[in-house]
Amino acid sequence: MPSSLVEVSPKISAALAAGEPVVALESTIISHGLPRPDNHAAAQEFEKILEDQGVTPATIAIIDGTPKVGLSSQDLERIAADESVVKVGGRDIAIAMARKATGGTTVAATSLLAARAGLRVFATGGLGGVHRGAAETFDESADLTVLSRTPITVVSAGVKSILDIPATLERLETLGVAVVGYRTSRFPAFWLSDSGYDLDWRVEGPEEIADIMAAKDVFGEPSALLVANPLPAALQLDPGALDGALREALALAAEQGIRGKAVSPFLLDHIRQATSGASVGVNLTIARGNIELAGQIAMSWAARTGEVG
């Protein structure tokens, strides 16, 4: 896709031209991940977290068939309020453009559009991964393959525990996506700070991440860098309660014959109900923490590239 087909807001274009820090934000968390009407306030808060750091936020979505990097206040409100907004993955971008659709972009689609616009840092909540039972269903998120060929740094709280975490880590390795733990040597599991699986590499600060980004550029690696940023243990969901809710949700899904794309929304909704909505509050805490760290990384990257330039 020629970069001219992606509409970059004047504010973001100016920030990029000046070498100032910019962070990409996905929009499916707004359109499909959080309940209305609180999702609109959350979207505004996410952007303000970056603005307060001196970083330009770039929320990404497709509006009436146009991929946009940086949304107007009207666009942001539409993504939050319009129930007809669709979920757009990486493979869906061209179809959404042709159909003049309006959609929230997933991790895969956001990564692709951000990279096209020249953005280097992206904050999300949780990454997609390999689903349980994938050996039979072949159910694996497109996030993984897109990150294998997209040069962007993604800050994520790992993957949700509804997924097959060890299989996801194996696929990331196979696909050549580098993973570093932010002040941890264990891979986080979204609502939980520790999935129980080790990481090979850890970093202690955003400057180290900027150094890795620069080294990847010099070496010519086309893949993403995944920064696994765990939720503080004191703020995680109760592990016992989550495990019980997940086991119950998996059993119900099997009993009701729920398969394919319907599985994840079913499991997430059951966990939300079983935790009396606590999982949604934790989702917000995760997003805030990842956005704040992404802002710090973007500032370190801007400072580093400014020195080089």
Protein backbone atom coordinates (compact mmCIF):
# COMPACT_ATOMS: atom_id res chain seq x y z
CA MET A 1 0.00 0.00 0.00
CA PRO A 2 1.53 3.37 -0.97
CA SER A 3 1.98 5.58 2.08
CA SER A 4 -0.09 8.25 0.28
CA LEU A 5 -3.17 6.11 0.89
CA VAL A 6 -2.73 6.55 4.64
CA GLU A 7 -4.00 9.88 5.93
CA VAL A 8 -1.62 11.21 8.58
CA SER A 9 -2.93 14.12 10.64
CA PRO A 10 -1.08 17.44 10.29
CA LYS A 11 -0.10 17.34 13.97
CA ILE A 12 1.52 13.93 13.63
CA SER A 13 3.17 14.81 10.32
CA ALA A 14 4.72 17.86 11.97
CA ALA A 15 5.93 15.84 14.96
CA LEU A 16 7.52 13.21 12.71
CA ALA A 17 9.18 15.84 10.53
CA ALA A 18 10.63 17.50 13.63
CA GLY A 19 11.91 14.19 15.03
CA GLU A 20 9.61 14.46 18.04
CA PRO A 21 8.24 11.40 19.90
CA VAL A 22 5.04 9.83 18.59
CA VAL A 23 3.21 6.72 19.85
CA ALA A 24 0.63 4.71 17.91
CA LEU A 25 -2.54 3.56 19.68
CA GLU A 26 -4.94 0.90 18.45
CA SER A 27 -8.68 1.50 18.20
CA THR A 28 -10.27 -1.93 18.71
CA ILE A 29 -9.83 -1.46 22.45
CA ILE A 30 -12.17 1.52 22.00
CA SER A 31 -14.63 0.03 19.52
CA HIS A 32 -14.76 -3.56 20.82
CA GLY A 33 -12.70 -3.91 23.99
CA LEU A 34 -14.36 -1.54 26.47
CA PRO A 35 -18.03 -0.96 27.33
CA ARG A 36 -19.88 2.09 26.08
CA PRO A 37 -20.02 4.96 26.97
CA ASP A 38 -16.92 4.72 29.18
CA ASN A 39 -14.83 3.73 26.17
CA HIS A 40 -14.84 7.29 24.83
CA ALA A 41 -13.51 8.73 28.06
CA ALA A 42 -10.86 6.01 28.13
CA ALA A 43 -9.77 6.84 24.58
CA GLN A 44 -9.38 10.50 25.52
CA GLU A 45 -7.46 9.52 28.66
CA PHE A 46 -5.07 7.32 26.68
CA GLU A 47 -4.16 10.23 24.42
CA LYS A 48 -3.78 12.60 27.38
CA ILE A 49 -1.30 10.25 29.10
CA LEU A 50 1.01 10.75 26.13
CA GLU A 51 0.35 14.45 25.76
CA ASP A 52 1.26 14.97 29.43
CA GLN A 53 4.62 13.34 28.67
CA GLY A 54 5.22 15.63 25.72
CA VAL A 55 4.51 12.81 23.26
CA THR A 56 2.12 13.05 20.32
CA PRO A 57 -0.58 10.34 20.38
CA ALA A 58 -1.54 8.71 17.10
CA THR A 59 -4.76 6.75 17.49
CA ILE A 60 -5.28 4.71 14.32
CA ALA A 61 -8.53 3.63 12.67
CA ILE A 62 -10.26 3.42 9.29
CA ILE A 63 -12.89 6.10 8.77
CA ASP A 64 -15.24 5.74 5.79
CA GLY A 65 -12.62 3.67 3.98
CA THR A 66 -9.67 5.95 4.73
CA PRO A 67 -6.88 4.62 6.96
CA LYS A 68 -6.14 7.42 9.41
CA VAL A 69 -3.10 7.86 11.62
CA GLY A 70 -4.28 10.39 14.18
CA LEU A 71 -8.00 10.89 14.69
CA SER A 72 -9.98 14.08 15.07
CA SER A 73 -12.18 14.41 18.15
CA GLN A 74 -15.17 13.60 15.93
CA ASP A 75 -13.48 10.47 14.57
CA LEU A 76 -12.58 9.32 18.08
CA GLU A 77 -16.15 9.80 19.27
CA ARG A 78 -17.48 7.91 16.27
CA ILE A 79 -15.21 4.93 16.87
CA ALA A 80 -16.40 4.85 20.48
CA ALA A 81 -20.13 5.40 19.96
CA ASP A 82 -21.06 3.86 16.61
CA GLU A 83 -22.10 0.23 17.12
CA SER A 84 -21.75 -0.47 13.39
CA VAL A 85 -17.97 0.03 13.56
CA VAL A 86 -16.28 -3.20 12.46
CA LYS A 87 -13.07 -4.84 13.65
CA VAL A 88 -10.34 -4.52 11.01
CA GLY A 89 -7.38 -6.89 11.00
CA GLY A 90 -4.34 -6.70 8.77
CA ARG A 91 -5.96 -8.70 5.97
CA ASP A 92 -9.11 -6.55 6.11
CA ILE A 93 -7.56 -3.14 5.41
CA ALA A 94 -8.02 -3.21 1.63
CA ILE A 95 -11.55 -4.60 1.92
CA ALA A 96 -12.50 -1.88 4.42
CA MET A 97 -11.06 0.72 2.07
CA ALA A 98 -12.98 -0.61 -0.93
CA ARG A 99 -16.23 -0.85 1.03
CA LYS A 100 -15.80 2.62 2.59
CA ALA A 101 -16.14 0.97 5.98
CA THR A 102 -15.37 2.44 9.38
CA GLY A 103 -13.41 0.16 11.66
CA GLY A 104 -11.31 -0.16 14.75
CA THR A 105 -7.87 -1.53 13.95
CA THR A 106 -6.42 -4.59 15.68
CA VAL A 107 -2.79 -4.96 16.74
CA ALA A 108 -1.96 -6.35 13.28
CA ALA A 109 -3.70 -3.58 11.32
CA THR A 110 -2.46 -0.83 13.64
CA SER A 111 1.12 -2.08 13.34
CA LEU A 112 0.94 -2.11 9.54
CA LEU A 113 -0.56 1.37 9.28
CA ALA A 114 1.75 2.84 11.90
CA ALA A 115 4.81 1.49 10.11
CA ARG A 116 3.54 2.84 6.77
CA ALA A 117 3.35 6.28 8.37
CA GLY A 118 6.85 6.05 9.81
CA LEU A 119 5.92 5.49 13.46
CA ARG A 120 8.26 3.30 15.50
CA VAL A 121 6.49 2.76 18.83
CA PHE A 122 3.04 1.30 19.48
CA ALA A 123 1.21 0.69 22.77
CA THR A 124 -1.48 -1.94 23.14
CA GLY A 125 -3.04 -3.91 25.97
CA GLY A 126 -2.47 -7.55 25.10
CA LEU A 127 -1.13 -9.27 22.03
CA GLY A 128 -3.01 -11.94 20.11
CA GLY A 129 -1.45 -15.40 20.07
CA VAL A 130 -1.89 -19.11 19.58
CA HIS A 131 -5.26 -20.36 20.84
CA ARG A 132 -5.75 -23.43 22.98
CA GLY A 133 -6.35 -26.47 20.80
CA ALA A 134 -4.65 -24.83 17.83
CA ALA A 135 -3.11 -28.16 16.83
CA GLU A 136 -6.61 -29.15 15.70
CA THR A 137 -8.12 -25.77 14.80
CA PHE A 138 -5.06 -23.92 13.43
CA ASP A 139 -6.42 -20.90 15.33
CA GLU A 140 -3.62 -18.37 15.63
CA SER A 141 -3.79 -14.59 15.69
CA ALA A 142 -2.55 -12.72 12.64
CA ASP A 143 -0.78 -10.40 15.07
CA LEU A 144 2.11 -12.83 15.19
CA THR A 145 2.79 -13.10 11.47
CA VAL A 146 2.33 -9.36 10.91
CA LEU A 147 4.87 -8.58 13.63
CA SER A 148 7.32 -10.95 11.96
CA ARG A 149 7.50 -8.54 9.00
CA THR A 150 6.78 -5.13 10.51
CA PRO A 151 9.57 -2.99 12.02
CA ILE A 152 7.82 -1.52 15.05
CA THR A 153 8.28 -1.70 18.80
CA VAL A 154 5.15 -2.95 20.54
CA VAL A 155 4.55 -2.54 24.26
CA SER A 156 2.17 -5.22 25.53
CA ALA A 157 1.29 -6.94 28.82
CA GLY A 158 1.96 -10.30 27.16
CA VAL A 159 -1.08 -12.31 26.09
CA LYS A 160 -4.28 -13.24 27.88
CA SER A 161 -4.33 -16.49 29.81
CA ILE A 162 -7.19 -17.74 27.62
CA LEU A 163 -4.47 -18.41 25.01
CA ASP A 164 -1.80 -21.10 24.80
CA ILE A 165 1.08 -19.07 26.21
CA PRO A 166 3.99 -21.50 25.69
CA ALA A 167 2.87 -22.13 22.11
CA THR A 168 2.65 -18.37 21.53
CA LEU A 169 6.21 -17.90 22.78
CA GLU A 170 7.40 -20.71 20.52
CA ARG A 171 5.70 -19.11 17.52
CA LEU A 172 7.22 -15.71 18.29
CA GLU A 173 10.65 -17.36 18.32
CA THR A 174 9.99 -19.24 15.08
CA LEU A 175 8.77 -16.06 13.39
CA GLY A 176 11.82 -14.11 14.50
CA VAL A 177 10.01 -11.63 16.74
CA ALA A 178 12.37 -10.54 19.52
CA VAL A 179 10.84 -10.38 23.02
CA VAL A 180 12.29 -8.52 26.00
CA GLY A 181 10.84 -8.31 29.48
CA TYR A 182 10.62 -4.84 30.99
CA ARG A 183 12.21 -5.21 34.41
CA THR A 184 11.21 -8.86 34.42
CA SER A 185 12.58 -12.20 33.25
CA ARG A 186 9.12 -13.76 33.05
CA PHE A 187 6.53 -13.37 30.34
CA PRO A 188 3.37 -11.64 31.65
CA ALA A 189 -0.13 -13.03 31.12
CA PHE A 190 -2.12 -9.81 30.75
CA TRP A 191 -4.33 -9.93 33.89
CA LEU A 192 -1.47 -11.70 35.69
CA SER A 193 2.03 -10.32 36.07
CA ASP A 194 3.70 -13.71 35.63
CA SER A 195 2.64 -16.45 33.22
CA GLY A 196 5.17 -18.88 34.67
CA TYR A 197 7.30 -18.86 31.52
CA ASP A 198 10.83 -17.47 31.32
CA LEU A 199 12.18 -14.90 28.88
CA ASP A 200 15.72 -14.91 27.52
CA TRP A 201 16.20 -11.15 27.71
CA ARG A 202 15.21 -8.34 30.06
CA VAL A 203 15.72 -4.59 29.99
CA GLU A 204 15.72 -2.09 32.84
CA GLY A 205 14.90 1.17 31.11
CA PRO A 206 13.57 2.80 27.92
CA GLU A 207 17.07 3.80 26.82
CA GLU A 208 18.04 0.13 26.52
CA ILE A 209 15.00 -0.46 24.31
CA ALA A 210 16.01 2.45 22.06
CA ASP A 211 19.49 0.92 21.80
CA ILE A 212 17.96 -2.40 20.68
CA MET A 213 15.77 -0.62 18.13
CA ALA A 214 18.85 1.10 16.69
CA ALA A 215 20.78 -2.18 16.55
CA LYS A 216 17.88 -3.87 14.74
CA ASP A 217 17.91 -1.06 12.18
CA VAL A 218 21.65 -1.35 11.61
CA PHE A 219 21.38 -5.12 11.24
CA GLY A 220 18.44 -4.73 8.87
CA GLU A 221 15.92 -6.83 10.80
CA PRO A 222 12.40 -6.35 9.36
CA SER A 223 10.56 -7.76 12.38
CA ALA A 224 9.01 -6.14 15.43
CA LEU A 225 10.42 -5.84 18.92
CA LEU A 226 7.93 -6.94 21.58
CA VAL A 227 8.35 -5.30 24.99
CA ALA A 228 6.56 -7.41 27.61
CA ASN A 229 5.48 -5.00 30.32
CA PRO A 230 3.93 -6.81 33.32
CA LEU A 231 1.11 -5.44 35.41
CA PRO A 232 2.32 -4.79 38.99
CA ALA A 233 1.52 -7.90 41.03
CA ALA A 234 -0.49 -5.87 43.54
CA LEU A 235 -2.88 -4.80 40.77
CA GLN A 236 -3.40 -8.13 39.02
CA LEU A 237 -6.60 -10.16 39.13
CA ASP A 238 -6.77 -12.80 41.83
CA PRO A 239 -5.02 -15.78 40.18
CA GLY A 240 -7.30 -18.34 41.82
CA ALA A 241 -10.46 -16.53 40.82
CA LEU A 242 -9.20 -16.08 37.26
CA ASP A 243 -8.23 -19.74 36.96
CA GLY A 244 -11.66 -20.85 38.17
CA ALA A 245 -13.48 -18.47 35.83
CA LEU A 246 -11.37 -19.59 32.88
CA ARG A 247 -11.89 -23.30 33.52
CA GLU A 248 -15.62 -22.72 33.80
CA ALA A 249 -15.67 -20.62 30.61
CA LEU A 250 -13.73 -23.24 28.65
CA ALA A 251 -16.10 -25.97 29.78
CA LEU A 252 -19.15 -23.91 28.82
CA ALA A 253 -17.68 -23.09 25.41
CA ALA A 254 -17.10 -26.79 24.73
CA GLU A 255 -20.56 -27.70 25.98
CA GLN A 256 -22.24 -25.09 23.77
CA GLY A 257 -20.14 -25.94 20.71
CA ILE A 258 -18.60 -22.48 20.45
CA ARG A 259 -15.71 -22.48 18.00
CA GLY A 260 -13.45 -20.25 15.93
CA LYS A 261 -13.70 -16.48 16.25
CA ALA A 262 -16.59 -16.77 18.70
CA VAL A 263 -14.43 -18.44 21.37
CA SER A 264 -12.38 -15.46 22.57
CA PRO A 265 -15.32 -13.02 22.96
CA PHE A 266 -17.27 -15.74 24.79
CA LEU A 267 -14.41 -16.48 27.21
CA LEU A 268 -13.69 -12.80 27.85
CA ASP A 269 -17.35 -12.00 28.51
CA HIS A 270 -17.64 -14.91 30.93
CA ILE A 271 -14.51 -13.79 32.80
CA ARG A 272 -15.89 -10.26 32.98
CA GLN A 273 -19.12 -11.54 34.52
CA ALA A 274 -17.35 -13.99 36.83
CA THR A 275 -15.10 -11.23 38.18
CA SER A 276 -18.01 -8.77 38.54
CA GLY A 277 -16.41 -6.46 36.03
CA ALA A 278 -13.01 -6.40 37.73
CA SER A 279 -11.33 -7.68 34.57
CA VAL A 280 -12.40 -4.52 32.71
CA GLY A 281 -10.83 -2.31 35.38
CA VAL A 282 -7.61 -4.29 35.13
CA ASN A 283 -7.72 -3.90 31.33
CA LEU A 284 -7.67 -0.12 31.79
CA THR A 285 -4.80 -0.27 34.26
CA ILE A 286 -2.81 -2.41 31.82
CA ALA A 287 -3.45 -0.01 28.94
CA ARG A 288 -2.41 3.01 31.00
CA GLY A 289 0.85 1.38 32.06
CA ASN A 290 1.74 0.28 28.55
CA ILE A 291 0.96 3.69 27.07
CA GLU A 292 3.10 5.43 29.68
CA LEU A 293 6.05 3.11 28.99
CA ALA A 294 5.61 3.48 25.22
CA GLY A 295 5.80 7.25 25.67
CA GLN A 296 9.08 6.90 27.56
CA ILE A 297 10.47 4.64 24.82
CA ALA A 298 9.41 7.10 22.11
CA MET A 299 11.14 9.93 23.96
CA SER A 300 14.34 7.87 24.30
CA TRP A 301 14.16 6.95 20.63
CA ALA A 302 13.65 10.60 19.57
CA ALA A 303 16.57 11.71 21.75
CA ARG A 304 18.81 8.97 20.37
CA THR A 305 17.99 9.56 16.71
CA GLY A 306 18.27 13.31 17.24
CA GLU A 307 21.81 12.86 18.54
CA VAL A 308 22.70 10.65 15.57
CA GLY A 309 21.17 13.13 13.14
